[in-house]
PDB file of N, CA and C in Angstrom:
ATOM      1  N   MET A   1     138.658  24.274   2.568  1.00  0.00           N
ATOM      2  CA  MET A   1     139.005  24.135   1.166  1.00  0.00           C
ATOM      3  C   MET A   1     139.908  22.913   0.992  1.00  0.00           C
ATOM      4  N   HIS A   2     139.624  22.114   0.001  1.00  0.00           N
ATOM      5  CA  HIS A   2     140.388  20.893  -0.259  1.00  0.00           C
ATOM      6  C   HIS A   2     141.681  21.227  -0.993  1.00  0.00           C
ATOM      7  N   GLN A   3     142.782  20.727  -0.466  1.00  0.00           N
ATOM      8  CA  GLN A   3     144.078  20.968  -1.100  1.00  0.00           C
ATOM      9  C   GLN A   3     144.178  20.163  -2.387  1.00  0.00           C
ATOM     10  N   GLN A   4     144.817  20.719  -3.390  1.00  0.00           N
ATOM     11  CA  GLN A   4     144.896  20.095  -4.706  1.00  0.00           C
ATOM     12  C   GLN A   4     146.027  19.082  -4.811  1.00  0.00           C
ATOM     13  N   TYR A   5     146.939  19.066  -3.856  1.00  0.00           N
ATOM     14  CA  TYR A   5     148.082  18.167  -3.953  1.00  0.00           C
ATOM     15  C   TYR A   5     148.605  17.807  -2.571  1.00  0.00           C
ATOM     16  N   GLU A   6     149.336  16.703  -2.521  1.00  0.00           N
ATOM     17  CA  GLU A   6     150.043  16.304  -1.306  1.00  0.00           C
ATOM     18  C   GLU A   6     151.337  17.112  -1.248  1.00  0.00           C
ATOM     19  N   ILE A   7     151.809  17.387  -0.038  1.00  0.00           N
ATOM     20  CA  ILE A   7     153.065  18.111   0.128  1.00  0.00           C
ATOM     21  C   ILE A   7     154.085  17.198   0.790  1.00  0.00           C
ATOM     22  N   LEU A   8     155.276  17.158   0.206  1.00  0.00           N
ATOM     23  CA  LEU A   8     156.395  16.405   0.767  1.00  0.00           C
ATOM     24  C   LEU A   8     157.502  17.408   1.077  1.00  0.00           C
ATOM     25  N   ASP A   9     157.826  17.556   2.347  1.00  0.00           N
ATOM     26  CA  ASP A   9     158.834  18.515   2.781  1.00  0.00           C
ATOM     27  C   ASP A   9     160.171  17.800   2.952  1.00  0.00           C
ATOM     28  N   THR A  10     161.101  18.040   2.031  1.00  0.00           N
ATOM     29  CA  THR A  10     162.433  17.433   2.131  1.00  0.00           C
ATOM     30  C   THR A  10     163.490  18.517   2.334  1.00  0.00           C
ATOM     31  N   ARG A  11     163.072  19.679   2.808  1.00  0.00           N
ATOM     32  CA  ARG A  11     164.019  20.776   3.028  1.00  0.00           C
ATOM     33  C   ARG A  11     165.085  20.347   4.033  1.00  0.00           C
ATOM     34  N   GLY A  12     166.327  20.703   3.721  1.00  0.00           N
ATOM     35  CA  GLY A  12     167.440  20.367   4.596  1.00  0.00           C
ATOM     36  C   GLY A  12     168.111  19.050   4.247  1.00  0.00           C
ATOM     37  N   LEU A  13     167.494  18.251   3.380  1.00  0.00           N
ATOM     38  CA  LEU A  13     168.082  16.976   2.983  1.00  0.00           C
ATOM     39  C   LEU A  13     168.913  17.159   1.719  1.00  0.00           C
ATOM     40  N   ARG A  14     169.993  16.410   1.633  1.00  0.00           N
ATOM     41  CA  ARG A  14     170.868  16.463   0.456  1.00  0.00           C
ATOM     42  C   ARG A  14     170.502  15.338  -0.511  1.00  0.00           C
ATOM     43  N   CYS A  15     170.784  15.571  -1.780  1.00  0.00           N
ATOM     44  CA  CYS A  15     170.567  14.543  -2.787  1.00  0.00           C
ATOM     45  C   CYS A  15     171.364  13.303  -2.415  1.00  0.00           C
ATOM     46  N   PRO A  16     170.814  12.130  -2.614  1.00  0.00           N
ATOM     47  CA  PRO A  16     169.601  11.803  -3.372  1.00  0.00           C
ATOM     48  C   PRO A  16     168.346  11.674  -2.514  1.00  0.00           C
ATOM     49  N   LEU A  17     168.409  12.031  -1.225  1.00  0.00           N
ATOM     50  CA  LEU A  17     167.259  11.799  -0.341  1.00  0.00           C
ATOM     51  C   LEU A  17     165.963  12.463  -0.794  1.00  0.00           C
ATOM     52  N   PRO A  18     165.948  13.729  -1.233  1.00  0.00           N
ATOM     53  CA  PRO A  18     164.674  14.310  -1.683  1.00  0.00           C
ATOM     54  C   PRO A  18     164.028  13.502  -2.813  1.00  0.00           C
ATOM     55  N   LEU A  19     164.845  13.053  -3.751  1.00  0.00           N
ATOM     56  CA  LEU A  19     164.324  12.287  -4.875  1.00  0.00           C
ATOM     57  C   LEU A  19     163.820  10.916  -4.428  1.00  0.00           C
ATOM     58  N   LEU A  20     164.555  10.261  -3.552  1.00  0.00           N
ATOM     59  CA  LEU A  20     164.117   8.947  -3.058  1.00  0.00           C
ATOM     60  C   LEU A  20     162.804   9.057  -2.295  1.00  0.00           C
ATOM     61  N   LYS A  21     162.683  10.096  -1.484  1.00  0.00           N
ATOM     62  CA  LYS A  21     161.437  10.294  -0.733  1.00  0.00           C
ATOM     63  C   LYS A  21     160.274  10.637  -1.675  1.00  0.00           C
ATOM     64  N   ALA A  22     160.565  11.395  -2.740  1.00  0.00           N
ATOM     65  CA  ALA A  22     159.531  11.735  -3.717  1.00  0.00           C
ATOM     66  C   ALA A  22     159.062  10.490  -4.460  1.00  0.00           C
ATOM     67  N   LYS A  23     160.002   9.607  -4.816  1.00  0.00           N
ATOM     68  CA  LYS A  23     159.632   8.362  -5.496  1.00  0.00           C
ATOM     69  C   LYS A  23     158.686   7.542  -4.626  1.00  0.00           C
ATOM     70  N   ARG A  24     159.017   7.430  -3.350  1.00  0.00           N
ATOM     71  CA  ARG A  24     158.175   6.662  -2.432  1.00  0.00           C
ATOM     72  C   ARG A  24     156.794   7.312  -2.287  1.00  0.00           C
ATOM     73  N   ALA A  25     156.777   8.640  -2.126  1.00  0.00           N
ATOM     74  CA  ALA A  25     155.512   9.349  -1.917  1.00  0.00           C
ATOM     75  C   ALA A  25     154.606   9.262  -3.151  1.00  0.00           C
ATOM     76  N   ILE A  26     155.176   9.419  -4.339  1.00  0.00           N
ATOM     77  CA  ILE A  26     154.342   9.407  -5.547  1.00  0.00           C
ATOM     78  C   ILE A  26     153.823   7.997  -5.829  1.00  0.00           C
ATOM     79  N   SER A  27     154.561   6.986  -5.375  1.00  0.00           N
ATOM     80  CA  SER A  27     154.103   5.611  -5.596  1.00  0.00           C
ATOM     81  C   SER A  27     152.827   5.315  -4.802  1.00  0.00           C
ATOM     82  N   GLU A  28     152.578   6.089  -3.757  1.00  0.00           N
ATOM     83  CA  GLU A  28     151.392   5.882  -2.927  1.00  0.00           C
ATOM     84  C   GLU A  28     150.178   6.666  -3.424  1.00  0.00           C
ATOM     85  N   LEU A  29     150.370   7.504  -4.448  1.00  0.00           N
ATOM     86  CA  LEU A  29     149.274   8.298  -4.997  1.00  0.00           C
ATOM     87  C   LEU A  29     148.574   7.545  -6.115  1.00  0.00           C
ATOM     88  N   ALA A  30     147.337   7.929  -6.372  1.00  0.00           N
ATOM     89  CA  ALA A  30     146.588   7.384  -7.503  1.00  0.00           C
ATOM     90  C   ALA A  30     147.003   8.146  -8.767  1.00  0.00           C
ATOM     91  N   VAL A  31     146.849   7.512  -9.916  1.00  0.00           N
ATOM     92  CA  VAL A  31     147.152   8.164 -11.189  1.00  0.00           C
ATOM     93  C   VAL A  31     146.337   9.460 -11.275  1.00  0.00           C
ATOM     94  N   GLY A  32     147.009  10.541 -11.660  1.00  0.00           N
ATOM     95  CA  GLY A  32     146.357  11.846 -11.781  1.00  0.00           C
ATOM     96  C   GLY A  32     146.515  12.721 -10.557  1.00  0.00           C
ATOM     97  N   GLU A  33     146.856  12.121  -9.411  1.00  0.00           N
ATOM     98  CA  GLU A  33     147.056  12.930  -8.212  1.00  0.00           C
ATOM     99  C   GLU A  33     148.391  13.657  -8.293  1.00  0.00           C
ATOM    100  N   GLN A  34     148.509  14.742  -7.509  1.00  0.00           N
ATOM    101  CA  GLN A  34     149.680  15.599  -7.592  1.00  0.00           C
ATOM    102  C   GLN A  34     150.464  15.631  -6.289  1.00  0.00           C
ATOM    103  N   LEU A  35     151.770  15.853  -6.426  1.00  0.00           N
ATOM    104  CA  LEU A  35     152.679  15.911  -5.292  1.00  0.00           C
ATOM    105  C   LEU A  35     153.544  17.153  -5.421  1.00  0.00           C
ATOM    106  N   MET A  36     153.544  17.975  -4.371  1.00  0.00           N
ATOM    107  CA  MET A  36     154.429  19.147  -4.294  1.00  0.00           C
ATOM    108  C   MET A  36     155.600  18.762  -3.403  1.00  0.00           C
ATOM    109  N   VAL A  37     156.818  18.876  -3.943  1.00  0.00           N
ATOM    110  CA  VAL A  37     158.015  18.536  -3.185  1.00  0.00           C
ATOM    111  C   VAL A  37     158.790  19.820  -2.900  1.00  0.00           C
ATOM    112  N   LEU A  38     159.080  20.058  -1.623  1.00  0.00           N
ATOM    113  CA  LEU A  38     159.836  21.229  -1.197  1.00  0.00           C
ATOM    114  C   LEU A  38     161.277  20.786  -0.938  1.00  0.00           C
ATOM    115  N   VAL A  39     162.227  21.420  -1.611  1.00  0.00           N
ATOM    116  CA  VAL A  39     163.625  20.981  -1.582  1.00  0.00           C
ATOM    117  C   VAL A  39     164.539  22.201  -1.402  1.00  0.00           C
ATOM    118  N   THR A  40     165.649  22.024  -0.681  1.00  0.00           N
ATOM    119  CA  THR A  40     166.627  23.103  -0.553  1.00  0.00           C
ATOM    120  C   THR A  40     167.933  22.793  -1.276  1.00  0.00           C
ATOM    121  N   ASP A  41     168.143  21.572  -1.721  1.00  0.00           N
ATOM    122  CA  ASP A  41     169.375  21.195  -2.408  1.00  0.00           C
ATOM    123  C   ASP A  41     169.313  21.695  -3.854  1.00  0.00           C
ATOM    124  N   PRO A  42     170.192  22.648  -4.245  1.00  0.00           N
ATOM    125  CA  PRO A  42     170.126  23.206  -5.598  1.00  0.00           C
ATOM    126  C   PRO A  42     170.369  22.184  -6.704  1.00  0.00           C
ATOM    127  N   SER A  43     171.076  21.108  -6.419  1.00  0.00           N
ATOM    128  CA  SER A  43     171.324  20.098  -7.452  1.00  0.00           C
ATOM    129  C   SER A  43     170.065  19.301  -7.785  1.00  0.00           C
ATOM    130  N   SER A  44     169.019  19.491  -7.011  1.00  0.00           N
ATOM    131  CA  SER A  44     167.779  18.735  -7.221  1.00  0.00           C
ATOM    132  C   SER A  44     167.063  19.116  -8.510  1.00  0.00           C
ATOM    133  N   GLN A  45     167.313  20.300  -9.042  1.00  0.00           N
ATOM    134  CA  GLN A  45     166.592  20.738 -10.242  1.00  0.00           C
ATOM    135  C   GLN A  45     166.779  19.770 -11.403  1.00  0.00           C
ATOM    136  N   ASP A  46     168.016  19.468 -11.729  1.00  0.00           N
ATOM    137  CA  ASP A  46     168.282  18.544 -12.835  1.00  0.00           C
ATOM    138  C   ASP A  46     167.787  17.143 -12.507  1.00  0.00           C
ATOM    139  N   ASP A  47     167.950  16.734 -11.237  1.00  0.00           N
ATOM    140  CA  ASP A  47     167.523  15.395 -10.825  1.00  0.00           C
ATOM    141  C   ASP A  47     166.019  15.204 -11.006  1.00  0.00           C
ATOM    142  N   PHE A  48     165.235  16.180 -10.580  1.00  0.00           N
ATOM    143  CA  PHE A  48     163.782  16.049 -10.675  1.00  0.00           C
ATOM    144  C   PHE A  48     163.309  16.095 -12.126  1.00  0.00           C
ATOM    145  N   LYS A  49     163.937  16.938 -12.946  1.00  0.00           N
ATOM    146  CA  LYS A  49     163.576  16.992 -14.370  1.00  0.00           C
ATOM    147  C   LYS A  49     163.839  15.645 -15.035  1.00  0.00           C
ATOM    148  N   ALA A  50     165.020  15.098 -14.800  1.00  0.00           N
ATOM    149  CA  ALA A  50     165.392  13.818 -15.414  1.00  0.00           C
ATOM    150  C   ALA A  50     164.508  12.687 -14.915  1.00  0.00           C
ATOM    151  N   TRP A  51     164.288  12.628 -13.616  1.00  0.00           N
ATOM    152  CA  TRP A  51     163.480  11.539 -13.048  1.00  0.00           C
ATOM    153  C   TRP A  51     162.037  11.598 -13.552  1.00  0.00           C
ATOM    154  N   ALA A  52     161.439  12.792 -13.596  1.00  0.00           N
ATOM    155  CA  ALA A  52     160.056  12.915 -14.070  1.00  0.00           C
ATOM    156  C   ALA A  52     159.947  12.408 -15.503  1.00  0.00           C
ATOM    157  N   SER A  53     160.921  12.720 -16.313  1.00  0.00           N
ATOM    158  CA  SER A  53     160.915  12.274 -17.703  1.00  0.00           C
ATOM    159  C   SER A  53     161.058  10.753 -17.800  1.00  0.00           C
ATOM    160  N   ILE A  54     162.000  10.194 -17.078  1.00  0.00           N
ATOM    161  CA  ILE A  54     162.241   8.745 -17.112  1.00  0.00           C
ATOM    162  C   ILE A  54     161.048   7.976 -16.547  1.00  0.00           C
ATOM    163  N   ALA A  55     160.489   8.482 -15.436  1.00  0.00           N
ATOM    164  CA  ALA A  55     159.384   7.790 -14.760  1.00  0.00           C
ATOM    165  C   ALA A  55     158.039   8.069 -15.430  1.00  0.00           C
ATOM    166  N   LYS A  56     158.028   8.958 -16.433  1.00  0.00           N
ATOM    167  CA  LYS A  56     156.818   9.315 -17.188  1.00  0.00           C
ATOM    168  C   LYS A  56     155.772  10.034 -16.332  1.00  0.00           C
ATOM    169  N   HIS A  57     156.241  10.769 -15.308  1.00  0.00           N
ATOM    170  CA  HIS A  57     155.345  11.627 -14.535  1.00  0.00           C
ATOM    171  C   HIS A  57     155.440  13.032 -15.130  1.00  0.00           C
ATOM    172  N   ASP A  58     154.400  13.834 -14.936  1.00  0.00           N
ATOM    173  CA  ASP A  58     154.413  15.203 -15.448  1.00  0.00           C
ATOM    174  C   ASP A  58     154.996  16.136 -14.401  1.00  0.00           C
ATOM    175  N   LEU A  59     156.039  16.880 -14.787  1.00  0.00           N
ATOM    176  CA  LEU A  59     156.566  17.946 -13.937  1.00  0.00           C
ATOM    177  C   LEU A  59     155.792  19.198 -14.317  1.00  0.00           C
ATOM    178  N   LEU A  60     154.749  19.494 -13.547  1.00  0.00           N
ATOM    179  CA  LEU A  60     153.827  20.581 -13.887  1.00  0.00           C
ATOM    180  C   LEU A  60     154.451  21.949 -13.674  1.00  0.00           C
ATOM    181  N   SER A  61     155.253  22.073 -12.619  1.00  0.00           N
ATOM    182  CA  SER A  61     155.922  23.351 -12.378  1.00  0.00           C
ATOM    183  C   SER A  61     157.164  23.124 -11.536  1.00  0.00           C
ATOM    184  N   MET A  62     158.082  24.048 -11.698  1.00  0.00           N
ATOM    185  CA  MET A  62     159.320  24.030 -10.933  1.00  0.00           C
ATOM    186  C   MET A  62     159.649  25.491 -10.688  1.00  0.00           C
ATOM    187  N   GLU A  63     159.639  25.899  -9.425  1.00  0.00           N
ATOM    188  CA  GLU A  63     159.941  27.292  -9.151  1.00  0.00           C
ATOM    189  C   GLU A  63     160.870  27.412  -7.961  1.00  0.00           C
ATOM    190  N   GLN A  64     161.641  28.494  -7.991  1.00  0.00           N
ATOM    191  CA  GLN A  64     162.529  28.786  -6.883  1.00  0.00           C
ATOM    192  C   GLN A  64     161.888  29.878  -6.052  1.00  0.00           C
ATOM    193  N   VAL A  65     161.774  29.624  -4.745  1.00  0.00           N
ATOM    194  CA  VAL A  65     161.222  30.588  -3.805  1.00  0.00           C
ATOM    195  C   VAL A  65     162.298  30.796  -2.744  1.00  0.00           C
ATOM    196  N   ALA A  66     162.972  31.937  -2.799  1.00  0.00           N
ATOM    197  CA  ALA A  66     164.125  32.213  -1.931  1.00  0.00           C
ATOM    198  C   ALA A  66     165.159  31.110  -2.160  1.00  0.00           C
ATOM    199  N   ASN A  67     165.521  30.375  -1.132  1.00  0.00           N
ATOM    200  CA  ASN A  67     166.522  29.310  -1.263  1.00  0.00           C
ATOM    201  C   ASN A  67     165.891  27.934  -1.369  1.00  0.00           C
ATOM    202  N   GLU A  68     164.633  27.892  -1.748  1.00  0.00           N
ATOM    203  CA  GLU A  68     163.917  26.620  -1.885  1.00  0.00           C
ATOM    204  C   GLU A  68     163.503  26.403  -3.324  1.00  0.00           C
ATOM    205  N   PHE A  69     163.309  25.124  -3.643  1.00  0.00           N
ATOM    206  CA  PHE A  69     162.791  24.743  -4.952  1.00  0.00           C
ATOM    207  C   PHE A  69     161.507  23.973  -4.712  1.00  0.00           C
ATOM    208  N   HIS A  70     160.471  24.322  -5.460  1.00  0.00           N
ATOM    209  CA  HIS A  70     159.168  23.662  -5.346  1.00  0.00           C
ATOM    210  C   HIS A  70     158.873  22.965  -6.656  1.00  0.00           C
ATOM    211  N   PHE A  71     158.696  21.645  -6.574  1.00  0.00           N
ATOM    212  CA  PHE A  71     158.412  20.828  -7.748  1.00  0.00           C
ATOM    213  C   PHE A  71     156.998  20.283  -7.621  1.00  0.00           C
ATOM    214  N   LEU A  72     156.167  20.547  -8.617  1.00  0.00           N
ATOM    215  CA  LEU A  72     154.809  20.005  -8.629  1.00  0.00           C
ATOM    216  C   LEU A  72     154.743  18.924  -9.698  1.00  0.00           C
ATOM    217  N   LEU A  73     154.467  17.713  -9.243  1.00  0.00           N
ATOM    218  CA  LEU A  73     154.432  16.536 -10.124  1.00  0.00           C
ATOM    219  C   LEU A  73     153.035  15.948 -10.164  1.00  0.00           C
ATOM    220  N   ARG A  74     152.671  15.379 -11.312  1.00  0.00           N
ATOM    221  CA  ARG A  74     151.411  14.638 -11.444  1.00  0.00           C
ATOM    222  C   ARG A  74     151.760  13.209 -11.798  1.00  0.00           C
ATOM    223  N   LYS A  75     151.203  12.278 -11.052  1.00  0.00           N
ATOM    224  CA  LYS A  75     151.473  10.856 -11.302  1.00  0.00           C
ATOM    225  C   LYS A  75     150.757  10.402 -12.557  1.00  0.00           C
ATOM    226  N   ASN A  76     151.484   9.686 -13.400  1.00  0.00           N
ATOM    227  CA  ASN A  76     150.893   9.084 -14.602  1.00  0.00           C
ATOM    228  C   ASN A  76     150.931   7.576 -14.479  1.00  0.00           C
TER     229      ASN A  76
END
């Protein structure tokens, strides 16, 4: 089965590293492709919301799973 998105695992990294790695990873995707970012830093929630808005990418979902945050972004 073909996966619908790329996965970027930044668990264990502190801000701003998860966001910087996500910026680099999404820049390598084609428009319309999706990136799932796995993060453990709780301060990342506001950072990812703000960055997606500024960068004009779609934040499709943001969920907390135990002590992790999963952000699904679509490149625009």
